[in-house]
């Protein structure tokens, strides 16, 4: 039999940060991804063809009036599926982010005579409420588009990352004859639903239904997905050993572009910070419910009591997942940083400590590919590698409340009735929101922002370079001071008096100003905030979270873990 395996990789300029970050990851691993497919084709005795000329795809895009280059690339691969089917008996297509992980010959194992090989995405359609419908790449969007193209007929939304077919089957599908009418109809649908696109998977799914060609995918190990929920499904809480998933897979589709999960070639570090703030340098923070001691002093006392166990807990986790571990303390480096900050703008020791943890992230990502920071009050309760679950080359990972901006701004009218001397607590998310709002508004933005919790923070050198956290830092602190003291401020006194110097305010401002992608943690699993409202040990522990951020400092709840 005359068989062929092919793939496509081009390097267009993308407007979106996500697409550009994905492209950067593909470029970084280009040679490995190319070589593994070449070698697999050789094992199979198949011809190998690699398409990398963007000019051909641009011409294709123009000819069929395809909206975006991204859509054009993905429709072009189906075009070549059909073209190669005219020259070869059997055709296998592999997305460039697919890694062959088997010595078995696909063409010997799969009979392509009457059916096409590809996997459906029906499992996503059963959780419609769990999908972001307003997303051009949502399987539900693709399903609904295909259904509309089919005048209401049902379909199995196909993942076209891996496709195998015989010349007979490919001809029967007749995709290219159907493409013009799909584009024409899609254009009308896009006018009503802007989240529809010229999506190749919707078009191909429709073509399969119209042609009557059946799908075979009984052995789905030929399409093993590595995506954001493979390590831990935050919906079902199902946990997987990534190494085991890979070992059982024949073709590994690295959807999240975290190729380190396969190649294990990234150097990772976990770090924490413990700087004891003596009582004379503490700011009053009030007491935890049922306590008589200020929060800062309670934290100092409990940290000292549980120091060894908290430190060992993080160190053991780092060793388990193959990462280095570093604990930063009150040493010469910290004192130098403290002096530098105070020379720029005198502030509380608490704020200096929290700026220092970001400074340490800057330093560590000069040496390591990926870094994970944990506040010292974080308790680890998992053997799942954080670096498998999150692709830090593509985004910064931390927790934030998506609804905060709505209720914070909704409270503004209520605030106006408060005493003009009212001041939000310096740790209040509301204070941080309005402080960031002022910084963004100062640069012409509408001010809306997310309040990030940097108690657990993951990043890479690539993302820290985008963030530019300490670039123009002195001028930013000066501007924060001016906004706090501005007698003609646009903000009511109850808001303005709450402005301060906070690492999370700056983080939110820098992320938006520099257009940095931020991946939100599942707060109940990767960042379970055990705060003042969490009164029940049983209620907290039954969540079986990976990382408990013990903000109430009740470490005794976690004796069994520590």
Protein backbone atom coordinates (compact mmCIF):
# COMPACT_ATOMS: atom_id res chain seq x y z
CA UNK A 1 0.00 0.00 0.00
CA UNK A 2 1.07 3.56 -0.80
CA UNK A 3 0.70 5.46 2.49
CA UNK A 4 1.53 9.01 3.57
CA UNK A 5 1.79 10.90 6.86
CA UNK A 6 1.75 14.69 6.81
CA UNK A 7 1.68 17.70 9.09
CA UNK A 8 1.55 21.48 8.83
CA UNK A 9 3.36 24.23 10.70
CA UNK A 10 3.48 27.90 9.77
CA UNK A 11 4.31 30.99 11.82
CA UNK A 12 1.68 33.68 11.29
CA UNK A 13 1.48 36.83 13.38
CA UNK A 14 -1.37 36.52 15.83
CA UNK A 15 -3.11 39.42 17.53
CA UNK A 16 -4.10 37.44 20.61
CA UNK A 17 -1.56 36.71 23.37
CA UNK A 18 -2.84 33.15 23.78
CA UNK A 19 -2.31 32.28 20.13
CA UNK A 20 1.11 33.94 20.13
CA UNK A 21 2.19 32.08 23.28
CA UNK A 22 1.05 28.78 21.78
CA UNK A 23 3.01 29.59 18.64
CA UNK A 24 6.10 30.40 20.71
CA UNK A 25 5.88 26.99 22.41
CA UNK A 26 5.58 25.26 19.04
CA UNK A 27 8.58 27.18 17.73
CA UNK A 28 10.61 26.24 20.82
CA UNK A 29 9.91 22.52 20.27
CA UNK A 30 9.79 22.64 16.46
CA UNK A 31 12.75 20.38 15.79
CA UNK A 32 11.64 17.71 18.27
CA UNK A 33 8.06 17.78 16.99
CA UNK A 34 9.24 17.53 13.40
CA UNK A 35 11.76 14.77 14.06
CA UNK A 36 9.34 12.50 15.96
CA UNK A 37 6.87 12.50 13.05
CA UNK A 38 9.58 11.94 10.46
CA UNK A 39 10.86 8.96 12.41
CA UNK A 40 7.38 7.53 12.87
CA UNK A 41 6.66 7.76 9.13
CA UNK A 42 9.90 5.90 8.47
CA UNK A 43 8.87 3.15 10.95
CA UNK A 44 5.57 2.81 9.11
CA UNK A 45 7.19 2.68 5.69
CA UNK A 46 5.11 5.71 4.77
CA UNK A 47 6.06 8.81 2.87
CA UNK A 48 6.48 11.92 5.02
CA UNK A 49 5.33 15.36 3.83
CA UNK A 50 5.67 18.58 5.77
CA UNK A 51 3.88 21.78 4.77
CA UNK A 52 5.48 24.97 6.07
CA UNK A 53 4.87 27.61 3.39
CA UNK A 54 2.52 30.24 4.75
CA UNK A 55 2.17 31.84 1.33
CA UNK A 56 0.16 28.85 0.04
CA UNK A 57 -2.21 29.11 2.99
CA UNK A 58 -2.61 32.86 2.56
CA UNK A 59 -3.56 32.30 -1.09
CA UNK A 60 -5.97 29.57 0.04
CA UNK A 61 -7.48 31.93 2.60
CA UNK A 62 -8.01 34.63 -0.02
CA UNK A 63 -9.47 32.23 -2.60
CA UNK A 64 -12.18 30.96 -0.21
CA UNK A 65 -12.62 34.23 1.75
CA UNK A 66 -11.80 32.56 5.07
CA UNK A 67 -12.04 35.02 7.95
CA UNK A 68 -8.82 34.38 9.87
CA UNK A 69 -5.41 32.86 9.20
CA UNK A 70 -6.02 30.46 12.10
CA UNK A 71 -9.18 29.13 10.44
CA UNK A 72 -7.42 29.06 7.07
CA UNK A 73 -4.59 26.86 8.39
CA UNK A 74 -7.05 24.37 9.85
CA UNK A 75 -9.23 24.20 6.74
CA UNK A 76 -6.11 23.89 4.58
CA UNK A 77 -5.14 20.70 6.40
CA UNK A 78 -8.44 19.12 5.30
CA UNK A 79 -7.85 20.40 1.77
CA UNK A 80 -4.47 18.60 1.77
CA UNK A 81 -6.16 15.53 3.26
CA UNK A 82 -8.26 15.42 0.12
CA UNK A 83 -5.40 16.31 -2.25
CA UNK A 84 -3.11 13.62 -0.86
CA UNK A 85 -6.00 11.15 -1.04
CA UNK A 86 -5.80 11.52 -4.83
CA UNK A 87 -2.18 10.32 -4.84
CA UNK A 88 -1.97 7.81 -1.96
CA UNK A 89 -3.95 4.78 -0.88
CA UNK A 90 -4.11 5.88 2.76
CA UNK A 91 -3.50 9.23 4.44
CA UNK A 92 -2.73 10.07 8.07
CA UNK A 93 -2.77 13.66 9.24
CA UNK A 94 -1.13 14.74 12.55
CA UNK A 95 -1.41 18.24 14.00
CA UNK A 96 2.04 19.62 14.71
CA UNK A 97 1.40 19.36 18.47
CA UNK A 98 0.87 15.58 18.17
CA UNK A 99 3.69 13.27 19.28
CA UNK A 100 3.78 9.63 18.04
CA UNK A 101 4.48 7.45 21.07
CA UNK A 102 4.29 3.94 19.67
CA UNK A 103 6.15 1.48 17.49
CA UNK A 104 2.86 0.13 16.10
CA UNK A 105 2.09 0.91 12.48
CA UNK A 106 -1.13 2.93 12.28
CA UNK A 107 -1.86 1.65 8.79
CA UNK A 108 -1.50 -1.99 9.90
CA UNK A 109 -3.59 -1.52 13.04
CA UNK A 110 -6.49 0.51 11.60
CA UNK A 111 -8.58 -0.61 8.62
CA UNK A 112 -9.31 2.59 6.70
CA UNK A 113 -11.13 0.93 3.81
CA UNK A 114 -14.70 1.98 4.70
CA UNK A 115 -14.45 4.35 7.65
CA UNK A 116 -12.43 7.40 8.59
CA UNK A 117 -10.40 7.37 11.79
CA UNK A 118 -10.85 10.37 14.09
CA UNK A 119 -12.24 11.01 17.53
CA UNK A 120 -15.43 12.84 18.42
CA UNK A 121 -15.85 15.34 21.23
CA UNK A 122 -19.22 14.11 22.44
CA UNK A 123 -18.02 13.95 26.02
CA UNK A 124 -17.88 17.74 26.07
CA UNK A 125 -21.43 18.02 24.78
CA UNK A 126 -22.80 16.32 27.87
CA UNK A 127 -21.52 19.14 30.06
CA UNK A 128 -22.93 22.15 28.24
CA UNK A 129 -23.22 24.15 31.41
CA UNK A 130 -19.54 23.56 32.10
CA UNK A 131 -18.36 24.87 28.75
CA UNK A 132 -17.78 28.48 27.93
CA UNK A 133 -20.33 28.83 25.15
CA UNK A 134 -19.16 32.30 24.27
CA UNK A 135 -15.87 30.98 22.99
CA UNK A 136 -15.05 30.46 19.34
CA UNK A 137 -13.17 27.24 20.13
CA UNK A 138 -15.71 25.68 22.44
CA UNK A 139 -16.81 22.23 21.23
CA UNK A 140 -20.36 23.39 21.87
CA UNK A 141 -19.94 26.32 19.50
CA UNK A 142 -18.61 23.93 16.86
CA UNK A 143 -21.46 21.50 17.45
CA UNK A 144 -24.09 24.24 17.19
CA UNK A 145 -22.50 25.62 14.01
CA UNK A 146 -22.41 22.18 12.38
CA UNK A 147 -26.03 21.61 13.42
CA UNK A 148 -27.04 24.91 11.81
CA UNK A 149 -25.15 24.02 8.62
CA UNK A 150 -27.09 20.72 8.58
CA UNK A 151 -30.45 22.49 9.02
CA UNK A 152 -30.93 21.08 12.49
CA UNK A 153 -29.46 17.58 12.05
CA UNK A 154 -27.38 16.15 14.88
CA UNK A 155 -23.66 15.61 14.47
CA UNK A 156 -20.61 14.26 16.25
CA UNK A 157 -18.28 17.18 16.55
CA UNK A 158 -14.96 15.82 15.28
CA UNK A 159 -11.49 16.68 16.51
CA UNK A 160 -9.45 17.03 13.33
CA UNK A 161 -6.03 16.99 15.02
CA UNK A 162 -5.59 13.36 13.95
CA UNK A 163 -7.32 11.99 10.85
CA UNK A 164 -6.80 8.75 8.97
CA UNK A 165 -8.58 7.75 5.79
CA UNK A 166 -8.32 5.79 2.55
CA UNK A 167 -8.56 7.46 -0.85
CA UNK A 168 -11.99 5.88 -1.27
CA UNK A 169 -13.35 7.31 1.98
CA UNK A 170 -11.78 10.74 1.51
CA UNK A 171 -13.29 11.01 -1.96
CA UNK A 172 -16.70 10.05 -0.61
CA UNK A 173 -16.55 12.83 2.01
CA UNK A 174 -16.05 15.39 -0.78
CA UNK A 175 -15.12 18.16 1.61
CA UNK A 176 -13.88 20.76 -0.87
CA UNK A 177 -17.07 20.60 -2.96
CA UNK A 178 -19.06 21.40 0.16
CA UNK A 179 -16.74 24.10 1.54
CA UNK A 180 -18.07 27.12 -0.44
CA UNK A 181 -21.65 26.55 0.70
CA UNK A 182 -20.50 26.06 4.33
CA UNK A 183 -18.62 29.36 4.26
CA UNK A 184 -21.57 31.16 2.66
CA UNK A 185 -24.01 29.83 5.23
CA UNK A 186 -21.59 30.41 8.09
CA UNK A 187 -21.26 34.07 7.07
CA UNK A 188 -25.01 34.54 7.55
CA UNK A 189 -24.91 32.74 10.89
CA UNK A 190 -21.97 34.87 12.08
CA UNK A 191 -24.12 37.98 11.65
CA UNK A 192 -26.49 36.57 14.30
CA UNK A 193 -23.94 34.76 16.46
CA UNK A 194 -20.51 36.48 16.39
CA UNK A 195 -18.88 33.58 18.25
CA UNK A 196 -19.35 31.36 15.21
CA UNK A 197 -16.32 31.20 12.92
CA UNK A 198 -15.18 29.44 9.75
CA UNK A 199 -14.36 26.47 11.90
CA UNK A 200 -12.82 23.43 10.24
CA UNK A 201 -14.19 20.94 12.78
CA UNK A 202 -17.75 22.18 12.38
CA UNK A 203 -17.39 22.07 8.58
CA UNK A 204 -15.83 18.60 8.60
CA UNK A 205 -18.44 17.23 10.99
CA UNK A 206 -21.17 18.52 8.70
CA UNK A 207 -19.45 16.98 5.67
CA UNK A 208 -19.30 13.58 7.37
CA UNK A 209 -23.03 13.65 8.10
CA UNK A 210 -23.89 14.72 4.56
CA UNK A 211 -21.62 12.11 2.97
CA UNK A 212 -22.72 9.27 5.23
CA UNK A 213 -19.11 8.35 6.03
CA UNK A 214 -18.85 6.65 9.40
CA UNK A 215 -16.25 7.28 12.06
CA UNK A 216 -14.17 4.64 13.84
CA UNK A 217 -12.30 5.35 17.04
CA UNK A 218 -12.69 2.28 19.21
CA UNK A 219 -9.09 2.50 20.43
CA UNK A 220 -8.89 6.12 21.54
CA UNK A 221 -5.30 5.67 22.71
CA UNK A 222 -4.48 6.68 19.14
CA UNK A 223 -5.62 10.14 20.24
CA UNK A 224 -4.53 10.71 23.83
CA UNK A 225 -5.29 14.26 24.95
CA UNK A 226 -3.04 16.32 27.20
CA UNK A 227 -5.08 19.39 28.07
CA UNK A 228 -5.58 21.67 31.09
CA UNK A 229 -7.79 19.11 32.81
CA UNK A 230 -5.75 15.95 32.18
CA UNK A 231 -3.73 16.11 35.40
CA UNK A 232 -6.78 17.09 37.45
CA UNK A 233 -10.31 17.50 36.19
CA UNK A 234 -11.52 20.36 38.40
CA UNK A 235 -15.13 19.35 37.69
CA UNK A 236 -14.99 15.66 38.56
CA UNK A 237 -11.84 15.89 40.75
CA UNK A 238 -10.43 12.93 38.80
CA UNK A 239 -6.63 12.91 39.09
CA UNK A 240 -4.31 11.33 36.55
CA UNK A 241 -0.64 10.48 36.58
CA UNK A 242 0.55 12.31 33.47
CA UNK A 243 3.43 9.87 32.99
CA UNK A 244 0.99 6.96 33.03
CA UNK A 245 -1.38 8.71 30.63
CA UNK A 246 1.49 9.24 28.21
CA UNK A 247 2.81 5.69 28.55
CA UNK A 248 -0.63 4.31 27.60
CA UNK A 249 -1.07 6.67 24.64
CA UNK A 250 -0.06 5.95 21.06
CA UNK A 251 -0.47 9.47 19.66
CA UNK A 252 -0.12 12.21 22.28
CA UNK A 253 -2.03 15.37 21.41
CA UNK A 254 -0.55 18.13 23.55
CA UNK A 255 -3.47 20.53 23.34
CA UNK A 256 -2.19 22.85 26.06
CA UNK A 257 1.23 23.09 24.34
CA UNK A 258 2.93 22.09 27.59
CA UNK A 259 5.43 19.83 25.82
CA UNK A 260 7.45 19.53 29.00
CA UNK A 261 4.90 16.98 30.21
CA UNK A 262 6.26 14.66 27.52
CA UNK A 263 9.89 15.66 27.07
CA UNK A 264 10.63 16.53 30.72
CA UNK A 265 13.22 19.06 29.67
CA UNK A 266 12.20 22.06 31.79
CA UNK A 267 13.90 23.03 35.02
CA UNK A 268 11.32 23.84 37.68
CA UNK A 269 11.54 25.38 41.12
CA UNK A 270 9.17 25.80 44.06
CA UNK A 271 9.94 28.54 46.54
CA UNK A 272 8.50 30.14 49.63
CA UNK A 273 9.29 33.07 51.87
CA UNK A 274 9.52 33.45 55.62
CA UNK A 275 10.44 36.83 57.05
CA UNK A 276 9.44 37.23 60.65
CA UNK A 277 7.95 40.70 61.20
CA UNK A 278 8.55 41.75 64.79
CA UNK A 279 5.65 43.35 66.73
CA UNK A 280 7.14 46.85 66.49
CA UNK A 281 7.02 46.72 62.67
CA UNK A 282 3.55 45.21 62.40
CA UNK A 283 0.52 47.14 61.18
CA UNK A 284 -2.69 46.55 63.10
CA UNK A 285 -4.84 44.10 61.18
CA UNK A 286 -7.45 43.15 63.78
CA UNK A 287 -7.91 39.70 65.25
CA UNK A 288 -9.24 36.48 63.73
CA UNK A 289 -12.72 35.53 64.93
CA UNK A 290 -12.52 34.16 68.44
CA UNK A 291 -8.94 35.36 68.92
CA UNK A 292 -7.61 38.17 71.09
CA UNK A 293 -4.28 38.68 69.33
CA UNK A 294 -3.75 40.75 66.19
CA UNK A 295 -3.64 38.72 62.96
CA UNK A 296 -0.04 39.65 62.25
CA UNK A 297 1.14 38.60 65.68
CA UNK A 298 -0.91 35.38 65.53
CA UNK A 299 0.71 34.63 62.18
CA UNK A 300 4.18 35.22 63.63
CA UNK A 301 3.50 32.94 66.60
CA UNK A 302 1.94 30.12 64.59
CA UNK A 303 4.60 30.27 61.89
CA UNK A 304 7.29 29.74 64.51
CA UNK A 305 5.34 26.86 66.05
CA UNK A 306 4.80 25.07 62.72
CA UNK A 307 7.90 26.30 60.89
CA UNK A 308 9.65 22.95 60.44
CA UNK A 309 6.50 21.11 59.35
CA UNK A 310 5.40 23.80 56.91
CA UNK A 311 8.85 23.97 55.36
CA UNK A 312 9.17 20.18 55.08
CA UNK A 313 5.70 19.92 53.52
CA UNK A 314 6.75 22.11 50.59
CA UNK A 315 10.21 20.64 50.29
CA UNK A 316 8.79 17.09 50.12
CA UNK A 317 6.33 18.11 47.41
CA UNK A 318 9.09 19.66 45.32
CA UNK A 319 11.17 16.49 45.60
CA UNK A 320 8.16 14.35 44.69
CA UNK A 321 7.54 16.19 41.42
CA UNK A 322 11.18 16.64 40.49
CA UNK A 323 11.50 20.36 41.23
CA UNK A 324 14.09 22.27 43.24
CA UNK A 325 13.01 23.95 46.45
CA UNK A 326 14.21 27.25 47.90
CA UNK A 327 13.16 29.07 51.06
CA UNK A 328 13.92 32.78 51.18
CA UNK A 329 14.38 34.33 54.62
CA UNK A 330 15.50 37.53 56.30
CA UNK A 331 19.06 37.52 55.01
CA UNK A 332 21.43 39.97 53.34
CA UNK A 333 19.49 39.85 50.04
CA UNK A 334 16.24 40.71 51.78
CA UNK A 335 17.84 43.56 53.69
CA UNK A 336 19.28 44.97 50.46
CA UNK A 337 15.86 44.79 48.85
CA UNK A 338 14.25 46.36 51.90
CA UNK A 339 16.69 49.26 51.77
CA UNK A 340 16.08 49.75 48.05
CA UNK A 341 12.29 49.83 48.47
CA UNK A 342 12.39 52.23 51.39
CA UNK A 343 14.67 54.57 49.44
CA UNK A 344 12.08 54.63 46.67
CA UNK A 345 9.03 54.93 48.89
CA UNK A 346 8.83 54.19 52.62
CA UNK A 347 6.16 51.57 53.31
CA UNK A 348 5.17 48.91 55.80
CA UNK A 349 7.29 45.82 56.38
CA UNK A 350 4.30 43.71 55.34
CA UNK A 351 4.20 45.37 51.90
CA UNK A 352 7.97 45.09 51.48
CA UNK A 353 7.83 41.35 52.19
CA UNK A 354 5.09 40.89 49.60
CA UNK A 355 6.95 42.85 46.95
CA UNK A 356 10.01 40.75 47.74
CA UNK A 357 8.28 37.52 46.76
CA UNK A 358 7.73 38.95 43.27
CA UNK A 359 11.35 40.07 43.18
CA UNK A 360 12.37 36.50 44.00
CA UNK A 361 10.20 35.28 41.12
CA UNK A 362 12.10 37.65 38.82
CA UNK A 363 15.42 36.30 40.06
CA UNK A 364 14.49 32.61 39.92
CA UNK A 365 13.04 32.72 36.42
CA UNK A 366 16.43 33.90 35.22
CA UNK A 367 17.74 30.46 36.21
CA UNK A 368 14.67 28.22 36.00
CA UNK A 369 12.17 27.67 33.19
CA UNK A 370 9.19 27.66 35.55
CA UNK A 371 8.68 28.80 39.12
CA UNK A 372 5.90 28.23 41.64
CA UNK A 373 5.61 30.49 44.66
CA UNK A 374 3.71 29.52 47.81
CA UNK A 375 3.12 31.74 50.81
CA UNK A 376 4.56 30.08 53.87
CA UNK A 377 1.04 29.44 55.18
CA UNK A 378 0.22 27.16 52.22
CA UNK A 379 -0.20 23.45 52.99
CA UNK A 380 0.37 21.00 50.12
CA UNK A 381 -1.98 18.02 49.89
CA UNK A 382 -1.34 16.43 46.49
CA UNK A 383 1.10 14.37 44.46
CA UNK A 384 -0.08 15.92 41.16
CA UNK A 385 2.62 18.06 39.63
CA UNK A 386 1.63 21.69 39.38
CA UNK A 387 3.91 22.00 36.36
CA UNK A 388 1.97 19.26 34.56
CA UNK A 389 -1.34 20.94 35.29
CA UNK A 390 -0.32 24.43 34.15
CA UNK A 391 1.62 25.55 31.10
CA UNK A 392 3.43 28.52 32.59
CA UNK A 393 5.08 29.32 29.27
CA UNK A 394 1.68 30.56 28.08
CA UNK A 395 0.36 32.44 31.10
CA UNK A 396 0.81 33.46 34.72
CA UNK A 397 -1.25 31.26 37.02
CA UNK A 398 -2.95 32.60 40.14
CA UNK A 399 -6.39 32.89 41.70
CA UNK A 400 -8.87 35.72 41.28
CA UNK A 401 -12.58 36.29 41.75
CA UNK A 402 -14.22 36.81 38.36
CA UNK A 403 -17.22 38.50 39.97
CA UNK A 404 -15.28 40.93 42.18
CA UNK A 405 -15.32 43.83 39.73
CA UNK A 406 -19.12 43.66 39.58
CA UNK A 407 -19.89 43.69 43.29
CA UNK A 408 -17.10 46.14 44.12
CA UNK A 409 -18.39 48.75 41.70
CA UNK A 410 -21.94 47.95 42.77
CA UNK A 411 -21.06 48.96 46.33
CA UNK A 412 -19.85 52.40 45.26
CA UNK A 413 -23.19 54.13 45.78
CA UNK A 414 -23.48 52.54 49.22
CA UNK A 415 -19.98 53.79 50.08
CA UNK A 416 -21.00 57.40 49.45
CA UNK A 417 -23.24 57.24 52.50
CA UNK A 418 -20.42 56.16 54.76
CA UNK A 419 -18.39 58.51 56.93
CA UNK A 420 -15.86 60.38 54.72
CA UNK A 421 -13.13 59.15 57.06
CA UNK A 422 -14.00 55.51 56.34
CA UNK A 423 -10.97 53.55 55.13
CA UNK A 424 -10.91 50.03 53.77
CA UNK A 425 -8.51 47.64 55.46
CA UNK A 426 -5.18 47.61 53.62
CA UNK A 427 -5.62 43.90 52.86
CA UNK A 428 -9.12 44.37 51.48
CA UNK A 429 -9.69 43.21 47.87
CA UNK A 430 -11.92 46.27 47.48
CA UNK A 431 -9.06 48.62 48.34
CA UNK A 432 -6.80 46.80 45.89
CA UNK A 433 -9.45 46.96 43.17
CA UNK A 434 -9.89 50.72 43.41
CA UNK A 435 -6.15 51.30 43.72
CA UNK A 436 -5.57 49.37 40.49
CA UNK A 437 -8.58 51.11 38.94
CA UNK A 438 -6.86 54.45 39.56
CA UNK A 439 -3.57 53.27 38.02
CA UNK A 440 -5.30 51.97 34.91
CA UNK A 441 -7.52 55.03 34.54
CA UNK A 442 -4.38 57.16 34.75
CA UNK A 443 -3.26 55.46 31.51
CA UNK A 444 -6.56 55.78 29.69
CA UNK A 445 -8.07 52.37 30.53
CA UNK A 446 -11.63 51.98 31.83
CA UNK A 447 -10.19 50.80 35.14
CA UNK A 448 -11.98 47.47 35.46
CA UNK A 449 -9.60 44.82 36.76
CA UNK A 450 -9.22 41.50 38.49
CA UNK A 451 -7.85 41.38 42.03
CA UNK A 452 -5.25 38.61 42.04
CA UNK A 453 -4.25 36.63 45.09
CA UNK A 454 -0.49 36.14 44.86
CA UNK A 455 -0.34 33.73 47.80
CA UNK A 456 0.14 31.01 45.18
CA UNK A 457 1.71 32.16 41.94
CA UNK A 458 3.15 30.33 38.94
CA UNK A 459 5.18 31.95 36.16
CA UNK A 460 7.95 31.48 33.63
CA UNK A 461 10.71 33.69 32.31
CA UNK A 462 8.66 34.33 29.18
CA UNK A 463 5.71 35.64 31.17
CA UNK A 464 7.81 37.63 33.63
CA UNK A 465 9.43 39.35 30.65
CA UNK A 466 5.94 40.27 29.44
CA UNK A 467 4.89 41.40 32.91
CA UNK A 468 7.78 43.86 33.46
CA UNK A 469 6.77 44.09 37.11
CA UNK A 470 9.66 46.23 38.31
CA UNK A 471 10.12 48.25 35.12
CA UNK A 472 9.55 51.94 35.88
CA UNK A 473 8.77 50.86 39.44
CA UNK A 474 9.93 54.07 41.08
CA UNK A 475 7.73 56.27 38.90
CA UNK A 476 4.76 54.00 39.52
CA UNK A 477 5.18 54.27 43.31
CA UNK A 478 5.45 58.04 42.99
CA UNK A 479 2.23 58.12 40.99
CA UNK A 480 0.50 55.92 43.58
CA UNK A 481 1.52 58.43 46.25
CA UNK A 482 0.23 61.34 44.17
CA UNK A 483 -3.12 59.66 43.60
CA UNK A 484 -3.45 58.99 47.32
CA UNK A 485 -2.79 62.65 48.14
CA UNK A 486 -4.54 64.32 45.18
CA UNK A 487 -6.98 66.92 46.56
CA UNK A 488 -8.81 66.97 43.21
CA UNK A 489 -9.15 63.20 42.95
CA UNK A 490 -12.01 61.77 40.88
CA UNK A 491 -12.47 59.16 43.62
CA UNK A 492 -14.64 59.70 46.67
CA UNK A 493 -12.73 60.06 49.98
CA UNK A 494 -13.83 56.60 51.17
CA UNK A 495 -12.02 55.11 48.18
CA UNK A 496 -9.06 57.46 47.90
CA UNK A 497 -8.06 57.07 51.56
CA UNK A 498 -7.78 53.32 50.96
CA UNK A 499 -5.04 53.67 48.33
CA UNK A 500 -1.72 52.16 49.38
CA UNK A 501 1.27 50.15 48.19
CA UNK A 502 0.34 46.58 47.57
CA UNK A 503 1.93 43.85 45.44
CA UNK A 504 -1.45 42.54 44.25
CA UNK A 505 -2.57 45.99 43.13
CA UNK A 506 0.59 46.28 41.06
CA UNK A 507 0.22 42.72 39.75
CA UNK A 508 -3.29 43.42 38.47
CA UNK A 509 -2.21 46.73 36.94
CA UNK A 510 0.87 45.26 35.23
CA UNK A 511 -1.02 42.25 33.86
CA UNK A 512 -3.62 44.43 32.19
CA UNK A 513 -1.29 47.23 31.12
CA UNK A 514 1.21 44.80 29.54
CA UNK A 515 -1.48 42.42 28.23
CA UNK A 516 -0.28 39.36 30.13
CA UNK A 517 -2.37 36.19 30.00
CA UNK A 518 -3.49 35.06 33.46
CA UNK A 519 -4.92 31.60 34.13
CA UNK A 520 -7.32 31.50 37.05
CA UNK A 521 -6.94 28.67 39.54
CA UNK A 522 -9.82 26.49 40.47
CA UNK A 523 -10.12 28.06 43.90
CA UNK A 524 -11.52 24.99 45.58
CA UNK A 525 -8.62 22.77 44.46
CA UNK A 526 -5.42 24.61 43.55
CA UNK A 527 -5.96 27.55 45.88
CA UNK A 528 -8.40 26.76 48.67
CA UNK A 529 -8.43 29.93 50.76
CA UNK A 530 -9.01 28.92 54.36
CA UNK A 531 -9.95 32.34 55.65
CA UNK A 532 -11.79 33.87 58.56
CA UNK A 533 -15.10 32.54 57.32
CA UNK A 534 -13.94 28.92 57.24
CA UNK A 535 -14.86 27.86 60.73
CA UNK A 536 -15.19 24.15 60.19
CA UNK A 537 -12.15 21.90 59.96
CA UNK A 538 -14.32 19.11 58.60
CA UNK A 539 -15.80 21.33 55.89
CA UNK A 540 -12.35 22.46 54.78
CA UNK A 541 -10.69 19.05 54.71
CA UNK A 542 -13.50 17.26 52.92
CA UNK A 543 -12.68 19.28 49.81
CA UNK A 544 -9.41 17.35 49.55
CA UNK A 545 -7.73 20.33 47.92
CA UNK A 546 -4.23 20.29 46.43
CA UNK A 547 -3.11 23.53 48.07
CA UNK A 548 -4.69 24.92 51.22
CA UNK A 549 -3.87 28.58 51.79
CA UNK A 550 -4.32 28.71 55.55
CA UNK A 551 -5.07 32.40 55.85
CA UNK A 552 -6.65 31.93 59.30
CA UNK A 553 -3.37 30.36 60.49
CA UNK A 554 -5.17 27.37 62.05
CA UNK A 555 -2.42 24.96 61.07
CA UNK A 556 -3.62 22.50 63.71
CA UNK A 557 -6.45 21.59 61.31
CA UNK A 558 -3.82 20.08 59.02
CA UNK A 559 -1.84 18.03 61.55
CA UNK A 560 -2.64 14.84 59.63
CA UNK A 561 -1.16 16.32 56.44
CA UNK A 562 1.77 18.09 58.01
